[in-house]
C-alpha atoms as a PDB file:
ATOM      1  CA  MET A   1     113.016 104.113  94.947  1.00  0.00           C
ATOM      2  CA  ASN A   2     109.979 105.466  96.751  1.00  0.00           C
ATOM      3  CA  GLN A   3     108.108 105.564  93.435  1.00  0.00           C
ATOM      4  CA  PHE A   4     108.947 101.933  92.763  1.00  0.00           C
ATOM      5  CA  SER A   5     107.654 100.954  96.213  1.00  0.00           C
ATOM      6  CA  ASP A   6     104.403 102.822  95.483  1.00  0.00           C
ATOM      7  CA  TYR A   7     104.199 101.037  92.126  1.00  0.00           C
ATOM      8  CA  LEU A   8     104.599  97.644  93.818  1.00  0.00           C
ATOM      9  CA  LYS A   9     101.960  98.561  96.393  1.00  0.00           C
ATOM     10  CA  ASP A  10      99.573  99.503  93.560  1.00  0.00           C
ATOM     11  CA  LEU A  11     100.215  96.059  92.041  1.00  0.00           C
ATOM     12  CA  GLY A  12      99.223  94.425  95.335  1.00  0.00           C
ATOM     13  CA  PHE A  13     102.627  93.415  96.704  1.00  0.00           C
ATOM     14  CA  ALA A  14     102.759  93.068 100.499  1.00  0.00           C
ATOM     15  CA  LYS A  15     104.301  95.716 102.726  1.00  0.00           C
ATOM     16  CA  GLY A  16     108.048  95.222 103.067  1.00  0.00           C
ATOM     17  CA  ILE A  17     108.568  94.170  99.445  1.00  0.00           C
ATOM     18  CA  GLY A  18     110.529  96.963  97.802  1.00  0.00           C
ATOM     19  CA  PHE A  19     113.266  98.096  95.480  1.00  0.00           C
ATOM     20  CA  HIS A  20     116.197  96.673  97.444  1.00  0.00           C
ATOM     21  CA  GLY A  21     114.578  93.268  97.699  1.00  0.00           C
ATOM     22  CA  PHE A  22     114.093  93.098  93.945  1.00  0.00           C
ATOM     23  CA  ARG A  23     117.644  94.325  93.335  1.00  0.00           C
ATOM     24  CA  CYS A  24     118.986  91.674  95.727  1.00  0.00           C
ATOM     25  CA  ILE A  25     116.979  88.917  94.036  1.00  0.00           C
ATOM     26  CA  LEU A  26     118.096  90.084  90.588  1.00  0.00           C
ATOM     27  CA  ALA A  27     121.761  90.126  91.643  1.00  0.00           C
ATOM     28  CA  THR A  28     121.478  86.686  93.240  1.00  0.00           C
ATOM     29  CA  GLU A  29     119.752  85.151  90.207  1.00  0.00           C
ATOM     30  CA  LEU A  30     122.225  86.728  87.767  1.00  0.00           C
ATOM     31  CA  HIS A  31     125.131  85.387  89.853  1.00  0.00           C
ATOM     32  CA  ALA A  32     123.564  81.919  89.836  1.00  0.00           C
ATOM     33  CA  ALA A  33     123.269  82.192  86.037  1.00  0.00           C
ATOM     34  CA  GLY A  34     127.018  82.759  85.796  1.00  0.00           C
ATOM     35  CA  ILE A  35     127.005  86.515  85.210  1.00  0.00           C
ATOM     36  CA  THR A  36     130.204  88.168  86.437  1.00  0.00           C
ATOM     37  CA  ALA A  37     130.123  90.426  89.497  1.00  0.00           C
ATOM     38  CA  ARG A  38     131.369  93.265  87.267  1.00  0.00           C
ATOM     39  CA  ASP A  39     128.379  92.938  84.936  1.00  0.00           C
ATOM     40  CA  ILE A  40     125.951  92.616  87.853  1.00  0.00           C
ATOM     41  CA  ALA A  41     127.413  95.825  89.288  1.00  0.00           C
ATOM     42  CA  LEU A  42     126.793  97.530  85.928  1.00  0.00           C
ATOM     43  CA  LEU A  43     123.110  96.589  86.177  1.00  0.00           C
ATOM     44  CA  THR A  44     122.540  97.343  89.859  1.00  0.00           C
ATOM     45  CA  GLY A  45     124.607 100.499  90.144  1.00  0.00           C
ATOM     46  CA  HIS A  46     127.051  99.010  92.641  1.00  0.00           C
ATOM     47  CA  SER A  47     130.818  99.436  92.622  1.00  0.00           C
ATOM     48  CA  LEU A  48     133.164  96.522  93.135  1.00  0.00           C
ATOM     49  CA  ILE A  49     136.221  98.474  94.313  1.00  0.00           C
ATOM     50  CA  LYS A  50     136.235 102.075  95.496  1.00  0.00           C
ATOM     51  CA  SER A  51     139.559 103.356  96.710  1.00  0.00           C
ATOM     52  CA  VAL A  52     138.472 106.955  96.118  1.00  0.00           C
ATOM     53  CA  PRO A  53     134.647 106.830  96.146  1.00  0.00           C
ATOM     54  CA  VAL A  54     133.886 110.535  95.620  1.00  0.00           C
ATOM     55  CA  LEU A  55     136.270 110.785  92.701  1.00  0.00           C
ATOM     56  CA  GLN A  56     134.951 107.610  91.082  1.00  0.00           C
ATOM     57  CA  ASP A  57     131.289 108.372  91.737  1.00  0.00           C
ATOM     58  CA  HIS A  58     131.138 112.052  90.904  1.00  0.00           C
ATOM     59  CA  TYR A  59     134.081 113.130  88.784  1.00  0.00           C
ATOM     60  CA  ILE A  60     135.301 110.282  86.621  1.00  0.00           C
ATOM     61  CA  HIS A  61     132.624 109.556  84.051  1.00  0.00           C
ATOM     62  CA  LYS A  62     132.871 106.059  82.752  1.00  0.00           C
ATOM     63  CA  SER A  63     132.590 105.579  79.019  1.00  0.00           C
ATOM     64  CA  SER A  64     129.265 104.079  78.039  1.00  0.00           C
ATOM     65  CA  GLY A  65     131.058 102.186  75.239  1.00  0.00           C
ATOM     66  CA  ASN A  66     129.657  98.692  75.458  1.00  0.00           C
ATOM     67  CA  VAL A  67     127.936  99.041  78.852  1.00  0.00           C
ATOM     68  CA  MET A  68     124.435  98.768  77.398  1.00  0.00           C
ATOM     69  CA  GLN A  69     125.323  95.710  75.326  1.00  0.00           C
ATOM     70  CA  ARG A  70     126.748  94.016  78.436  1.00  0.00           C
ATOM     71  CA  GLN A  71     123.666  94.941  80.453  1.00  0.00           C
ATOM     72  CA  LEU A  72     121.344  93.541  77.762  1.00  0.00           C
ATOM     73  CA  ALA A  73     123.409  90.364  77.460  1.00  0.00           C
ATOM     74  CA  ALA A  74     123.324  89.842  81.229  1.00  0.00           C
ATOM     75  CA  LEU A  75     119.577  90.515  81.460  1.00  0.00           C
ATOM     76  CA  SER A  76     118.842  88.189  78.533  1.00  0.00           C
ATOM     77  CA  LEU A  77     120.116  85.317  80.699  1.00  0.00           C
ATOM     78  CA  TYR A  78     117.716  86.222  83.523  1.00  0.00           C
ATOM     79  CA  GLN A  79     114.508  84.253  83.102  1.00  0.00           C
ATOM     80  CA  PRO A  80     112.348  84.796  86.216  1.00  0.00           C
ATOM     81  CA  SER A  81     109.705  82.223  87.048  1.00  0.00           C
ATOM     82  CA  VAL A  82     107.040  84.947  87.216  1.00  0.00           C
ATOM     83  CA  GLN A  83     105.502  87.034  84.474  1.00  0.00           C
ATOM     84  CA  LEU A  84     106.475  90.678  84.961  1.00  0.00           C
ATOM     85  CA  PRO A  85     104.172  93.377  83.579  1.00  0.00           C
ATOM     86  CA  VAL A  86     105.470  95.130  80.464  1.00  0.00           C
ATOM     87  CA  TYR A  87     106.374  98.789  80.933  1.00  0.00           C
ATOM     88  CA  GLN A  88     103.810 101.151  79.444  1.00  0.00           C
ATOM     89  CA  ARG A  89     104.968 104.619  78.439  1.00  0.00           C
ATOM     90  CA  GLY A  90     103.910 107.133  81.063  1.00  0.00           C
ATOM     91  CA  GLN A  91     102.972 104.597  83.735  1.00  0.00           C
ATOM     92  CA  PHE A  92     105.225 106.337  86.284  1.00  0.00           C
ATOM     93  CA  LYS A  93     104.273 109.874  85.231  1.00  0.00           C
ATOM     94  CA  GLU A  94     102.049 110.453  88.261  1.00  0.00           C
ATOM     95  CA  LYS A  95     104.638 109.118  90.709  1.00  0.00           C
ATOM     96  CA  LEU A  96     107.483 111.133  89.155  1.00  0.00           C
ATOM     97  CA  ARG A  97     105.667 114.437  88.697  1.00  0.00           C
ATOM     98  CA  LYS A  98     107.169 117.655  90.040  1.00  0.00           C
ATOM     99  CA  GLY A  99     106.658 118.026  93.764  1.00  0.00           C
ATOM    100  CA  THR A 100     106.440 114.284  94.394  1.00  0.00           C
ATOM    101  CA  LYS A 101     108.229 113.164  97.545  1.00  0.00           C
ATOM    102  CA  MET A 102     111.469 111.510  96.427  1.00  0.00           C
ATOM    103  CA  CYS A 103     112.767 110.178  99.755  1.00  0.00           C
ATOM    104  CA  PRO A 104     111.013 108.929 102.890  1.00  0.00           C
END
């Protein structure tokens, strides 16, 4: 997440705009577009129900089956009103290099 914040700063975004803000906006917009909470959770990495969090998070590996197709279908419905830059291979290489600070 720290790398994403640095990336946003390099693009000229104001201080305080970061990963969680974008994730919140994405979740809100997807919900408004009628995407189910389950599919939004698949995209954002959230869990809907966790009765045994450690077991679910670390030991039970969910089948990837159709997860990617559901993620792509959900994202295809998200049409932001801004033009986002297209990912370029290697653009995060400097931020993700060995020895880079991962957490604040």
